[in-house]
Amino acid sequence: MTSSAHPRRRVLGGLLATGAFTLAGGTASASATARTGDTSRPTVVLVHGVFADASGWNDTIARLQRAGFPVIAPANPLRDLAGDSAYVSSVVDTVPGPVILVGHSYGGEVITNAGRGHTNVKALVYVGAFAPDEGESALQLASMFPGSMLPDALLTRRFPLPDGTPGGIDGYIDPARFHDVFAQDLPHSVTRLMAATQRPGSVGGLGAGSGVPAWKSLPSWYVIPTADRVIPPAAQRFMAERAGSATVEVKGASHVVMMSHPDVVVRQILAAHHATR
């Protein structure tokens, strides 16, 4: 009895042999996609924040894909602002056509920095997010206005730095408080899973000062959940007005408005597309 390669391995081997999949400059790219250069619709890059992961965008992704938009929802490292922004910037580097950057929560701070220096980034969309000015941090902005329940719900765990020495501190939301603080408009059955799988954020990253904001040179849109218990709505209104963002408010929505009201988020992304195409 002769053995044969696994079907998936045969496919990958064929792609490598024919050069359909190339590695250039350390970046993986699908050459067929690059050859077509289809830029009829921008690629929407969705950046999640702390205490979450990219799956929080699932309903948004499904709607955008049905509308014909290519979508990338990278895993935000959540280690430090400079590194997280550089990572998302590197993802944008791989996209041959126009890009709309969308950030939720701390992800807004990341796109504010990652959007700089890219001629193909056409718009920024903030979803219950931070839109800092130069030198501002997420922790600073969250405390500018009253109303956040996050400080009293935080748990911390230490983690080793890359050289193995202690020193890093991760922040989590207490699972017992997760529903009421982070996602009070979602079912408890959903938020229990979210609490168990939450990705922590480095306290150092949340306290780091932001760089020159991309919203000073790019148009922006904003979705403000009016019942946000993480980033006070007043803080979001302040940031949106300062950035000159086209804003929509979602009455009664929690911090995870992209999960409870994905249609509103998609409409803002579509508005950004129609205004910048």
Protein backbone atom coordinates (compact mmCIF):
# COMPACT_ATOMS: atom_id res chain seq x y z
CA MET A 1 0.00 0.00 0.00
CA THR A 2 1.55 3.26 -1.09
CA SER A 3 1.33 6.38 1.05
CA SER A 4 0.31 9.78 -0.26
CA ALA A 5 0.68 13.32 1.06
CA HIS A 6 -2.16 14.88 2.99
CA PRO A 7 -4.44 16.76 0.52
CA ARG A 8 -3.86 20.10 2.24
CA ARG A 9 -0.10 19.55 2.14
CA ARG A 10 -0.28 18.74 -1.59
CA VAL A 11 -2.17 22.00 -2.21
CA LEU A 12 0.34 24.03 -0.21
CA GLY A 13 3.24 22.30 -1.96
CA GLY A 14 1.68 23.12 -5.32
CA LEU A 15 1.28 26.76 -4.43
CA LEU A 16 4.89 27.00 -3.31
CA ALA A 17 6.11 25.19 -6.43
CA THR A 18 4.21 27.41 -8.85
CA GLY A 19 4.99 30.63 -7.00
CA ALA A 20 1.31 31.44 -6.48
CA PHE A 21 2.16 32.13 -2.87
CA THR A 22 5.24 34.23 -2.36
CA LEU A 23 7.32 35.49 0.49
CA ALA A 24 8.82 38.85 -0.31
CA GLY A 25 10.66 41.12 2.11
CA GLY A 26 9.50 38.97 5.01
CA THR A 27 5.83 39.57 4.15
CA ALA A 28 3.46 36.85 3.00
CA SER A 29 1.26 37.86 0.09
CA ALA A 30 -1.06 36.18 -2.37
CA SER A 31 0.38 37.16 -5.74
CA ALA A 32 -2.87 36.41 -7.54
CA THR A 33 -4.64 39.01 -5.46
CA ALA A 34 -1.88 41.52 -6.03
CA ARG A 35 -2.07 40.93 -9.80
CA THR A 36 -5.78 41.60 -9.99
CA GLY A 37 -5.42 44.86 -8.04
CA ASP A 38 -9.14 44.90 -7.27
CA THR A 39 -9.60 48.17 -5.42
CA SER A 40 -13.31 48.60 -6.10
CA ARG A 41 -13.93 48.30 -2.37
CA PRO A 42 -11.48 49.15 0.40
CA THR A 43 -10.16 46.52 2.76
CA VAL A 44 -11.66 47.08 6.19
CA VAL A 45 -9.12 46.45 8.96
CA LEU A 46 -10.87 45.90 12.30
CA VAL A 47 -8.75 46.35 15.43
CA HIS A 48 -10.07 45.05 18.75
CA GLY A 49 -9.24 46.45 22.15
CA VAL A 50 -8.40 45.18 25.62
CA PHE A 51 -10.50 42.51 27.41
CA ALA A 52 -11.62 41.25 23.99
CA ASP A 53 -10.38 39.57 20.85
CA ALA A 54 -11.08 39.70 17.12
CA SER A 55 -14.17 37.48 17.46
CA GLY A 56 -16.02 40.50 18.83
CA TRP A 57 -16.14 41.73 15.23
CA ASN A 58 -17.78 38.56 13.88
CA ASP A 59 -21.21 40.06 13.18
CA THR A 60 -19.62 43.16 11.65
CA ILE A 61 -17.38 40.99 9.47
CA ALA A 62 -20.27 38.86 8.24
CA ARG A 63 -22.22 41.94 7.13
CA LEU A 64 -19.23 43.55 5.43
CA GLN A 65 -18.35 40.36 3.59
CA ARG A 66 -21.92 39.98 2.36
CA ALA A 67 -21.62 43.54 1.01
CA GLY A 68 -18.48 42.56 -0.88
CA PHE A 69 -15.80 44.13 1.31
CA PRO A 70 -12.52 42.36 2.04
CA VAL A 71 -11.93 42.32 5.79
CA ILE A 72 -8.93 41.70 8.05
CA ALA A 73 -9.37 41.48 11.83
CA PRO A 74 -5.84 41.00 13.18
CA ALA A 75 -5.00 39.89 16.69
CA ASN A 76 -3.96 43.07 18.48
CA PRO A 77 -0.91 42.09 20.61
CA LEU A 78 -2.02 44.28 23.57
CA ARG A 79 1.55 44.59 24.88
CA ASP A 80 2.50 48.23 24.38
CA LEU A 81 1.09 51.06 22.29
CA ALA A 82 4.14 51.54 20.08
CA GLY A 83 4.48 47.83 19.35
CA ASP A 84 0.76 47.26 18.87
CA SER A 85 0.56 50.20 16.46
CA ALA A 86 3.61 49.00 14.53
CA TYR A 87 2.04 45.57 14.19
CA VAL A 88 -1.24 46.91 12.78
CA SER A 89 0.75 49.27 10.54
CA SER A 90 2.60 46.23 9.17
CA VAL A 91 -0.74 44.61 8.34
CA VAL A 92 -1.77 47.73 6.43
CA ASP A 93 1.55 47.52 4.54
CA THR A 94 0.42 44.21 3.02
CA VAL A 95 -2.80 45.63 1.53
CA PRO A 96 -2.36 46.79 -2.08
CA GLY A 97 -5.51 48.91 -2.26
CA PRO A 98 -7.38 51.42 -0.08
CA VAL A 99 -7.97 50.73 3.60
CA ILE A 100 -10.50 51.85 6.19
CA LEU A 101 -9.15 51.43 9.72
CA VAL A 102 -11.70 50.66 12.43
CA GLY A 103 -10.84 50.53 16.13
CA HIS A 104 -12.80 49.52 19.21
CA SER A 105 -11.84 50.78 22.69
CA TYR A 106 -8.02 50.73 23.00
CA GLY A 107 -8.00 49.68 19.33
CA GLY A 108 -8.95 53.28 18.57
CA GLU A 109 -5.68 54.42 20.09
CA VAL A 110 -3.86 51.86 17.96
CA ILE A 111 -5.43 53.01 14.67
CA THR A 112 -4.75 56.63 15.64
CA ASN A 113 -1.05 55.75 15.49
CA ALA A 114 -1.04 52.97 12.89
CA GLY A 115 -2.87 55.15 10.34
CA ARG A 116 0.02 57.59 9.98
CA GLY A 117 2.22 57.44 6.90
CA HIS A 118 -0.04 55.26 4.74
CA THR A 119 -1.33 56.87 1.56
CA ASN A 120 -3.84 54.04 1.13
CA VAL A 121 -5.58 54.61 4.49
CA LYS A 122 -8.66 56.62 3.55
CA ALA A 123 -10.63 56.87 6.79
CA LEU A 124 -10.71 56.08 10.49
CA VAL A 125 -13.78 54.72 12.28
CA TYR A 126 -13.90 54.79 16.07
CA VAL A 127 -16.31 52.40 17.80
CA GLY A 128 -16.71 53.07 21.52
CA ALA A 129 -13.04 53.98 21.28
CA PHE A 130 -10.19 56.22 22.30
CA ALA A 131 -9.09 58.87 19.80
CA PRO A 132 -6.14 60.44 21.64
CA ASP A 133 -4.17 63.53 20.81
CA GLU A 134 -0.39 63.51 20.97
CA GLY A 135 0.88 62.65 24.46
CA GLU A 136 -2.48 61.42 25.79
CA SER A 137 -2.98 57.89 27.11
CA ALA A 138 -6.01 55.65 27.36
CA LEU A 139 -5.91 55.78 31.16
CA GLN A 140 -5.74 59.57 31.12
CA LEU A 141 -8.67 59.94 28.73
CA ALA A 142 -10.84 57.43 30.58
CA SER A 143 -10.47 59.44 33.78
CA MET A 144 -11.16 62.88 32.27
CA PHE A 145 -14.92 62.45 32.73
CA PRO A 146 -16.84 60.57 35.44
CA GLY A 147 -18.78 57.42 34.77
CA SER A 148 -16.31 54.59 34.11
CA MET A 149 -16.91 51.45 36.20
CA LEU A 150 -13.68 49.88 34.99
CA PRO A 151 -11.20 50.96 37.72
CA ASP A 152 -13.11 49.20 40.50
CA ALA A 153 -13.53 46.02 38.43
CA LEU A 154 -9.90 45.48 37.42
CA LEU A 155 -7.80 42.49 38.43
CA THR A 156 -4.06 42.46 37.75
CA ARG A 157 -1.55 39.70 37.08
CA ARG A 158 2.18 40.04 36.63
CA PHE A 159 3.89 38.67 33.54
CA PRO A 160 7.57 38.36 32.59
CA LEU A 161 9.14 40.82 30.19
CA PRO A 162 10.78 39.49 26.98
CA ASP A 163 14.13 39.15 28.76
CA GLY A 164 12.53 36.94 31.40
CA THR A 165 12.61 39.48 34.20
CA PRO A 166 9.40 40.33 36.08
CA GLY A 167 7.88 43.72 35.66
CA GLY A 168 4.89 43.55 33.35
CA ILE A 169 1.37 43.97 34.72
CA ASP A 170 -1.72 42.78 32.86
CA GLY A 171 -5.19 44.08 33.58
CA TYR A 172 -8.33 41.90 33.43
CA ILE A 173 -11.95 42.59 34.26
CA ASP A 174 -13.16 40.60 37.25
CA PRO A 175 -15.34 37.87 35.67
CA ALA A 176 -18.01 38.51 38.32
CA ARG A 177 -18.25 42.13 37.10
CA PHE A 178 -17.67 41.55 33.39
CA HIS A 179 -21.31 41.61 32.26
CA ASP A 180 -22.27 44.76 34.14
CA VAL A 181 -19.12 46.70 33.26
CA PHE A 182 -18.30 45.61 29.73
CA ALA A 183 -21.37 44.25 27.98
CA GLN A 184 -24.57 44.76 29.96
CA ASP A 185 -26.75 44.61 26.82
CA LEU A 186 -25.62 41.08 25.91
CA PRO A 187 -26.98 37.84 27.42
CA HIS A 188 -25.18 36.47 30.48
CA SER A 189 -24.58 33.23 28.59
CA VAL A 190 -22.47 35.20 26.10
CA THR A 191 -20.64 37.41 28.59
CA ARG A 192 -19.62 34.44 30.75
CA LEU A 193 -17.70 33.08 27.77
CA MET A 194 -16.27 36.51 26.98
CA ALA A 195 -15.06 36.91 30.56
CA ALA A 196 -13.34 33.53 30.52
CA THR A 197 -11.58 34.17 27.21
CA GLN A 198 -10.80 37.87 27.64
CA ARG A 199 -7.35 38.96 26.52
CA PRO A 200 -5.67 41.21 29.08
CA GLY A 201 -4.04 44.51 28.31
CA SER A 202 -0.68 45.64 29.57
CA VAL A 203 -1.13 48.44 32.09
CA GLY A 204 2.03 49.99 30.68
CA GLY A 205 0.50 50.03 27.21
CA LEU A 206 -2.69 51.64 28.46
CA GLY A 207 -0.64 54.32 30.23
CA ALA A 208 1.64 55.11 27.27
CA GLY A 209 1.39 58.47 25.56
CA SER A 210 0.09 58.49 22.00
CA GLY A 211 1.92 59.87 18.99
CA VAL A 212 0.84 62.41 16.38
CA PRO A 213 -2.77 61.43 15.65
CA ALA A 214 -3.79 60.23 12.21
CA TRP A 215 -7.18 61.92 12.66
CA LYS A 216 -5.48 65.28 12.11
CA SER A 217 -4.86 64.33 8.48
CA LEU A 218 -7.61 61.74 7.83
CA PRO A 219 -11.41 61.99 7.99
CA SER A 220 -13.01 60.06 10.82
CA TRP A 221 -16.33 58.61 11.90
CA TYR A 222 -17.45 57.72 15.42
CA VAL A 223 -19.97 55.37 17.03
CA ILE A 224 -20.76 56.41 20.62
CA PRO A 225 -22.66 53.92 22.84
CA THR A 226 -24.56 56.08 25.31
CA ALA A 227 -24.51 53.46 28.10
CA ASP A 228 -20.79 52.75 27.84
CA ARG A 229 -19.48 51.93 31.32
CA VAL A 230 -15.82 51.64 30.28
CA ILE A 231 -15.17 54.86 28.35
CA PRO A 232 -17.65 57.52 29.50
CA PRO A 233 -19.81 58.78 26.61
CA ALA A 234 -18.83 62.33 27.56
CA ALA A 235 -15.20 61.45 26.92
CA GLN A 236 -16.10 59.98 23.54
CA ARG A 237 -18.09 63.06 22.58
CA PHE A 238 -15.10 65.21 23.53
CA MET A 239 -12.74 63.15 21.39
CA ALA A 240 -15.14 62.93 18.45
CA GLU A 241 -15.74 66.67 18.38
CA ARG A 242 -12.04 67.41 18.64
CA ALA A 243 -11.28 65.07 15.73
CA GLY A 244 -14.12 66.50 13.63
CA SER A 245 -15.69 63.06 13.38
CA ALA A 246 -19.05 62.32 11.81
CA THR A 247 -20.80 60.89 14.85
CA VAL A 248 -23.74 58.63 15.58
CA GLU A 249 -24.93 57.77 19.09
CA VAL A 250 -26.54 54.44 19.95
CA LYS A 251 -28.96 54.89 22.82
CA GLY A 252 -28.60 52.36 25.62
CA ALA A 253 -25.71 50.50 23.99
CA SER A 254 -22.86 49.05 26.04
CA HIS A 255 -19.14 49.31 25.39
CA VAL A 256 -19.34 46.40 22.92
CA VAL A 257 -21.71 48.21 20.58
CA MET A 258 -20.26 46.32 17.59
CA MET A 259 -21.70 43.12 19.11
CA SER A 260 -25.08 44.46 20.24
CA HIS A 261 -25.65 46.82 17.29
CA PRO A 262 -23.44 45.65 14.39
CA ASP A 263 -25.74 47.24 11.80
CA VAL A 264 -25.00 50.72 13.16
CA VAL A 265 -21.26 50.08 13.04
CA VAL A 266 -21.47 48.81 9.48
CA ARG A 267 -23.47 51.88 8.42
CA GLN A 268 -20.71 54.14 9.74
CA ILE A 269 -18.09 52.12 7.88
CA LEU A 270 -20.17 52.38 4.71
CA ALA A 271 -20.53 56.12 5.26
CA ALA A 272 -16.74 56.39 5.49
CA HIS A 273 -16.41 54.40 2.27
CA HIS A 274 -18.92 56.47 0.31
CA ALA A 275 -17.35 59.74 1.48
CA THR A 276 -13.79 58.76 0.57
CA ARG A 277 -14.03 56.60 -2.56
